[in-house]
Amino acid sequence: MRETIDLRGPGGTAARIALDGAEPVSWKVGDREYLWTGDPEHWNRHAPWLFPVVGASANGAVRVDGQPYPMAQHGFARDLPFTVVARADDAVTLRLADGPETRRHYPFAFRLDVETRVRAACLDFAVTVANPGAEPLPYALGFHPAFPWPFAGGARSTGDYAVVFERAERATVPEVGAGGLLLRNERPVPLQGDTLPLDPAIFTEALVFRNAASRAMRFAGPDGRAIRMEVEDFPHLAVWTKPTAPFLSLECWTGHADWADFSGDLAERDSQRLLPPGMEARHAVRLTLET
């Protein structure tokens, strides 16, 4: 059974955070749960953090100075135990640092701190990536929360729910090829300016909005409630589910899967960040229940 930490904030808001992966496994406002249950029949996760890559890597590996290192989809942070750095009734900071296990996949020194804080109808995350090493740190970071669909009445049919972006976005997304790698050609999606009417049939694969204009998006239901995700320093957004699964995932990424034709080193991967020695990078996400 996973070890977890319970957080309580104002307004009847509460959260539960697993030490494995620093993953939120519950977010309640009042008595209602707004995170996906993690039912393994559909998807056995809730809201994983993705590091040091986002998405699939060509041939299941990353290359550093020409040497391949095995790398699972979305990296390894979501499956490893974090340690407690600081804790309060309404907040906790958890840390993952490099060690023998991570260096089998990623030969770099790093620290990844995830601070989770409960506010009224909100769940705030502040993430710090630190490079204590002597060479640049190539990294990508992502957040992959899923929410019940439906959560506000109605059904999963077209028209009852929509994702509403902060700004109008391009109505095309990259196709996803074998093994989750991105293809250079794009396909249309039924985006109407800033609004994507939700229909399970459009999710043959994740909808990846690279270099999005928006820094927020809302999963809006028919009764006026919406789950809003607001991000800081995450240029790519994604929306995903499985056609028969009763959840929807809103995702934010600094990087994305390899292109299917990529064969270079990790530091050359498209949108991978390079963090100089001794430096830190900060990213933030806020989830808000709007009523």
Protein backbone atom coordinates (compact mmCIF):
# COMPACT_ATOMS: atom_id res chain seq x y z
CA MET A 1 0.00 0.00 0.00
CA ARG A 2 1.34 3.45 -0.92
CA GLU A 3 2.47 5.76 1.87
CA THR A 4 0.55 9.03 1.71
CA ILE A 5 0.30 12.41 3.43
CA ASP A 6 -3.04 14.12 4.08
CA LEU A 7 -3.37 17.88 3.66
CA ARG A 8 -6.25 20.06 4.79
CA GLY A 9 -7.00 23.63 3.83
CA PRO A 10 -9.81 26.17 4.15
CA GLY A 11 -13.24 25.82 2.63
CA GLY A 12 -13.47 22.07 3.12
CA THR A 13 -10.64 21.42 0.67
CA ALA A 14 -8.36 18.42 1.26
CA ALA A 15 -5.74 16.45 -0.63
CA ARG A 16 -3.77 13.25 -0.26
CA ILE A 17 -0.25 13.02 -1.67
CA ALA A 18 1.64 9.77 -2.25
CA LEU A 19 5.36 9.70 -1.47
CA ASP A 20 5.85 7.54 -4.56
CA GLY A 21 6.14 10.06 -7.35
CA ALA A 22 4.93 12.98 -5.16
CA GLU A 23 1.63 12.15 -6.86
CA PRO A 24 -1.68 13.63 -5.72
CA VAL A 25 -4.10 10.73 -5.32
CA SER A 26 -7.07 12.69 -3.94
CA TRP A 27 -8.38 16.25 -4.18
CA LYS A 28 -11.67 16.90 -2.45
CA VAL A 29 -13.69 20.08 -2.26
CA GLY A 30 -16.40 19.54 0.32
CA ASP A 31 -17.27 15.87 0.18
CA ARG A 32 -16.74 15.46 -3.57
CA GLU A 33 -13.67 13.90 -5.18
CA TYR A 34 -12.27 15.71 -8.22
CA LEU A 35 -9.26 13.53 -9.06
CA TRP A 36 -9.54 10.31 -11.04
CA THR A 37 -9.70 7.20 -8.85
CA GLY A 38 -6.84 5.36 -10.54
CA ASP A 39 -9.07 2.41 -11.46
CA PRO A 40 -6.64 -0.04 -13.16
CA GLU A 41 -9.36 -1.19 -15.54
CA HIS A 42 -8.87 2.13 -17.36
CA TRP A 43 -5.69 3.85 -16.06
CA ASN A 44 -3.94 3.06 -12.78
CA ARG A 45 -2.59 6.54 -12.10
CA HIS A 46 -4.12 9.74 -10.74
CA ALA A 47 -1.90 12.77 -11.41
CA PRO A 48 1.74 11.78 -12.03
CA TRP A 49 4.72 14.09 -12.37
CA LEU A 50 6.82 13.43 -15.47
CA PHE A 51 10.62 13.78 -15.29
CA PRO A 52 13.31 13.85 -16.74
CA VAL A 53 11.52 13.35 -20.07
CA VAL A 54 7.95 13.76 -21.22
CA GLY A 55 6.51 11.18 -23.58
CA ALA A 56 8.21 8.34 -25.39
CA SER A 57 11.89 8.16 -26.29
CA ALA A 58 13.08 6.72 -29.60
CA ASN A 59 13.91 3.02 -29.19
CA GLY A 60 12.99 3.26 -25.51
CA ALA A 61 16.25 5.00 -24.63
CA VAL A 62 17.94 8.39 -24.41
CA ARG A 63 21.46 8.97 -25.64
CA VAL A 64 24.09 10.88 -23.68
CA ASP A 65 27.43 11.38 -25.43
CA GLY A 66 26.33 8.69 -27.87
CA GLN A 67 25.65 6.07 -25.18
CA PRO A 68 22.08 4.75 -24.83
CA TYR A 69 20.34 4.72 -21.44
CA PRO A 70 16.97 2.92 -21.06
CA MET A 71 14.15 5.39 -20.45
CA ALA A 72 10.50 4.55 -19.82
CA GLN A 73 7.75 6.70 -21.26
CA HIS A 74 7.44 9.91 -19.20
CA GLY A 75 10.65 9.14 -17.28
CA PHE A 76 11.16 7.57 -13.88
CA ALA A 77 10.13 10.16 -11.27
CA ARG A 78 6.51 8.97 -11.16
CA ASP A 79 7.62 5.52 -9.95
CA LEU A 80 10.25 6.44 -7.35
CA PRO A 81 9.90 7.36 -3.65
CA PHE A 82 10.36 11.00 -2.67
CA THR A 83 11.49 12.16 0.77
CA VAL A 84 9.78 14.76 2.95
CA VAL A 85 11.62 18.09 3.04
CA ALA A 86 8.98 20.21 4.80
CA ARG A 87 5.47 19.60 6.08
CA ALA A 88 2.54 21.60 7.47
CA ASP A 89 -1.17 20.93 7.86
CA ASP A 90 -1.91 22.42 4.45
CA ALA A 91 1.36 21.83 2.56
CA VAL A 92 4.18 19.40 1.96
CA THR A 93 7.43 19.56 -0.01
CA LEU A 94 8.79 16.29 -1.37
CA ARG A 95 12.18 15.68 -2.99
CA LEU A 96 13.72 13.25 -5.44
CA ALA A 97 17.51 13.34 -5.93
CA ASP A 98 19.83 11.37 -8.16
CA GLY A 99 21.23 8.08 -6.97
CA PRO A 100 22.41 4.73 -8.33
CA GLU A 101 18.94 3.82 -9.64
CA THR A 102 18.39 7.09 -11.53
CA ARG A 103 21.93 7.11 -12.98
CA ARG A 104 21.24 3.80 -14.74
CA HIS A 105 18.79 5.77 -16.87
CA TYR A 106 19.99 9.36 -16.61
CA PRO A 107 23.66 10.01 -15.80
CA PHE A 108 23.20 13.43 -14.19
CA ALA A 109 23.06 15.00 -10.75
CA PHE A 110 19.71 16.64 -10.03
CA ARG A 111 17.16 17.56 -7.37
CA LEU A 112 13.45 17.67 -8.03
CA ASP A 113 11.32 19.36 -5.33
CA VAL A 114 7.52 19.33 -5.52
CA GLU A 115 5.65 21.56 -3.07
CA THR A 116 1.91 20.89 -2.84
CA ARG A 117 -0.33 23.35 -1.00
CA VAL A 118 -4.09 23.22 -0.36
CA ARG A 119 -6.09 26.44 -0.63
CA ALA A 120 -9.84 27.02 -0.71
CA ALA A 121 -11.09 25.06 -3.75
CA CYS A 122 -7.49 25.04 -5.05
CA LEU A 123 -4.48 22.78 -5.22
CA ASP A 124 -1.19 24.62 -5.85
CA PHE A 125 2.09 23.08 -6.98
CA ALA A 126 5.51 24.75 -7.05
CA VAL A 127 8.22 22.63 -8.66
CA THR A 128 11.95 23.32 -8.52
CA VAL A 129 14.48 21.53 -10.71
CA ALA A 130 18.05 22.02 -9.45
CA ASN A 131 21.34 21.16 -11.10
CA PRO A 132 24.03 20.54 -8.44
CA GLY A 133 26.33 18.99 -11.03
CA ALA A 134 29.21 20.34 -13.09
CA GLU A 135 27.58 20.02 -16.53
CA PRO A 136 24.35 21.27 -18.10
CA LEU A 137 21.27 19.28 -17.09
CA PRO A 138 18.93 18.32 -19.96
CA TYR A 139 15.44 17.86 -18.57
CA ALA A 140 11.74 18.01 -19.31
CA LEU A 141 8.97 18.28 -16.74
CA GLY A 142 5.28 17.51 -17.04
CA PHE A 143 2.12 17.16 -14.96
CA HIS A 144 -0.54 14.62 -15.96
CA PRO A 145 -3.63 14.91 -13.70
CA ALA A 146 -6.88 13.18 -14.62
CA PHE A 147 -10.39 14.07 -13.50
CA PRO A 148 -13.68 12.17 -13.45
CA TRP A 149 -15.70 12.57 -16.63
CA PRO A 150 -18.50 13.33 -15.98
CA PHE A 151 -17.98 15.26 -12.73
CA ALA A 152 -20.76 17.86 -13.01
CA GLY A 153 -23.82 16.00 -14.26
CA GLY A 154 -24.60 15.20 -17.86
CA ALA A 155 -22.78 12.54 -19.85
CA ARG A 156 -19.60 12.01 -21.85
CA SER A 157 -21.53 12.69 -25.03
CA THR A 158 -20.72 15.56 -27.37
CA GLY A 159 -21.92 18.92 -26.10
CA ASP A 160 -22.20 18.26 -22.36
CA TYR A 161 -18.50 18.94 -21.62
CA ALA A 162 -15.79 21.03 -23.23
CA VAL A 163 -12.21 22.12 -22.72
CA VAL A 164 -12.04 25.91 -22.92
CA PHE A 165 -8.60 27.40 -23.47
CA GLU A 166 -7.55 30.83 -22.28
CA ARG A 167 -6.97 31.85 -25.90
CA ALA A 168 -7.79 30.49 -29.34
CA GLU A 169 -5.47 27.62 -30.31
CA ARG A 170 -4.52 26.00 -33.60
CA ALA A 171 -7.08 23.41 -34.69
CA THR A 172 -4.44 20.86 -35.69
CA VAL A 173 -2.24 18.58 -33.58
CA PRO A 174 0.67 16.24 -34.40
CA GLU A 175 -0.22 12.67 -35.22
CA VAL A 176 1.15 10.11 -32.80
CA GLY A 177 2.92 7.13 -34.30
CA ALA A 178 4.13 3.73 -33.14
CA GLY A 179 5.38 3.65 -29.56
CA GLY A 180 3.99 7.11 -28.78
CA LEU A 181 6.49 9.01 -30.95
CA LEU A 182 5.33 12.20 -32.65
CA LEU A 183 4.97 12.38 -36.41
CA ARG A 184 5.71 15.49 -38.45
CA ASN A 185 2.28 15.53 -40.12
CA GLU A 186 -0.74 16.93 -38.29
CA ARG A 187 -4.43 16.11 -38.09
CA PRO A 188 -7.41 18.41 -37.53
CA VAL A 189 -9.34 18.55 -34.26
CA PRO A 190 -12.83 20.05 -33.82
CA LEU A 191 -11.55 23.11 -31.97
CA GLN A 192 -13.81 26.14 -32.25
CA GLY A 193 -11.51 29.06 -31.48
CA ASP A 194 -10.83 28.58 -27.78
CA THR A 195 -13.36 25.77 -27.20
CA LEU A 196 -12.95 22.04 -27.76
CA PRO A 197 -16.32 20.23 -27.47
CA LEU A 198 -15.55 16.85 -25.91
CA ASP A 199 -16.48 13.59 -27.58
CA PRO A 200 -14.76 10.32 -26.61
CA ALA A 201 -14.41 9.47 -30.31
CA ILE A 202 -11.80 12.21 -30.93
CA PHE A 203 -9.32 10.55 -28.56
CA THR A 204 -7.66 7.95 -30.71
CA GLU A 205 -4.47 9.48 -29.25
CA ALA A 206 -3.47 12.43 -27.08
CA LEU A 207 -4.21 15.90 -28.45
CA VAL A 208 -0.91 17.77 -28.14
CA PHE A 209 -1.00 21.57 -28.40
CA ARG A 210 2.68 22.41 -28.89
CA ASN A 211 3.72 25.96 -27.99
CA ALA A 212 0.19 26.81 -26.93
CA ALA A 213 -0.95 30.40 -26.75
CA SER A 214 -2.84 29.68 -23.52
CA ARG A 215 -1.52 29.42 -19.99
CA ALA A 216 -4.81 28.11 -18.64
CA MET A 217 -7.55 25.74 -19.69
CA ARG A 218 -10.89 24.76 -18.15
CA PHE A 219 -12.63 21.39 -18.13
CA ALA A 220 -16.16 22.76 -18.13
CA GLY A 221 -19.31 20.83 -17.20
CA PRO A 222 -22.99 21.41 -17.95
CA ASP A 223 -23.96 22.58 -14.44
CA GLY A 224 -21.57 25.54 -14.40
CA ARG A 225 -18.73 23.83 -12.55
CA ALA A 226 -15.29 23.72 -14.16
CA ILE A 227 -11.85 22.44 -13.24
CA ARG A 228 -9.30 25.07 -14.23
CA MET A 229 -5.60 24.34 -14.74
CA GLU A 230 -3.34 27.38 -14.75
CA VAL A 231 0.37 26.89 -15.51
CA GLU A 232 3.64 28.78 -15.27
CA ASP A 233 6.53 27.95 -17.62
CA PHE A 234 4.87 24.98 -19.31
CA PRO A 235 4.66 25.87 -23.02
CA HIS A 236 2.91 22.71 -24.22
CA LEU A 237 -0.60 21.58 -23.28
CA ALA A 238 -2.35 18.28 -23.94
CA VAL A 239 -5.76 16.69 -23.52
CA TRP A 240 -6.14 12.92 -23.28
CA THR A 241 -8.38 10.05 -22.40
CA LYS A 242 -9.23 6.59 -23.68
CA PRO A 243 -12.47 6.38 -25.67
CA THR A 244 -14.16 4.13 -23.09
CA ALA A 245 -12.58 5.53 -19.91
CA PRO A 246 -14.58 7.77 -17.52
CA PHE A 247 -11.85 10.38 -17.03
CA LEU A 248 -10.21 13.29 -18.82
CA SER A 249 -6.60 14.34 -18.40
CA LEU A 250 -5.40 17.93 -18.77
CA GLU A 251 -1.63 17.97 -19.15
CA CYS A 252 1.12 20.58 -19.15
CA TRP A 253 4.64 19.91 -20.37
CA THR A 254 7.96 21.70 -20.86
CA GLY A 255 8.96 19.04 -23.41
CA HIS A 256 7.30 16.31 -25.42
CA ALA A 257 7.88 12.89 -26.97
CA ASP A 258 10.64 12.34 -29.49
CA TRP A 259 9.86 12.86 -33.13
CA ALA A 260 9.79 9.49 -34.87
CA ASP A 261 12.80 10.48 -36.99
CA PHE A 262 14.96 11.68 -34.06
CA SER A 263 18.26 9.90 -33.35
CA GLY A 264 20.36 12.48 -31.50
CA ASP A 265 21.54 12.99 -27.93
CA LEU A 266 19.16 13.89 -25.11
CA ALA A 267 20.46 17.47 -25.02
CA GLU A 268 19.42 17.83 -28.68
CA ARG A 269 15.88 16.55 -28.13
CA ASP A 270 13.29 19.04 -29.31
CA SER A 271 12.14 21.31 -26.44
CA GLN A 272 14.37 19.65 -23.84
CA ARG A 273 15.63 22.30 -21.36
CA LEU A 274 19.34 22.74 -20.58
CA LEU A 275 19.83 23.92 -16.99
CA PRO A 276 23.33 25.34 -16.31
CA PRO A 277 25.44 23.98 -13.44
CA GLY A 278 24.49 25.37 -10.04
CA MET A 279 21.19 26.81 -11.29
CA GLU A 280 17.53 26.16 -10.49
CA ALA A 281 14.38 26.34 -12.62
CA ARG A 282 10.91 26.88 -11.21
CA HIS A 283 7.55 25.83 -12.61
CA ALA A 284 4.05 26.09 -11.16
CA VAL A 285 0.55 24.65 -11.60
CA ARG A 286 -2.72 25.63 -9.95
CA LEU A 287 -5.89 23.52 -10.03
CA THR A 288 -9.08 25.38 -9.15
CA LEU A 289 -12.65 24.21 -8.87
CA GLU A 290 -14.85 26.95 -10.31
CA THR A 291 -18.53 26.98 -9.40
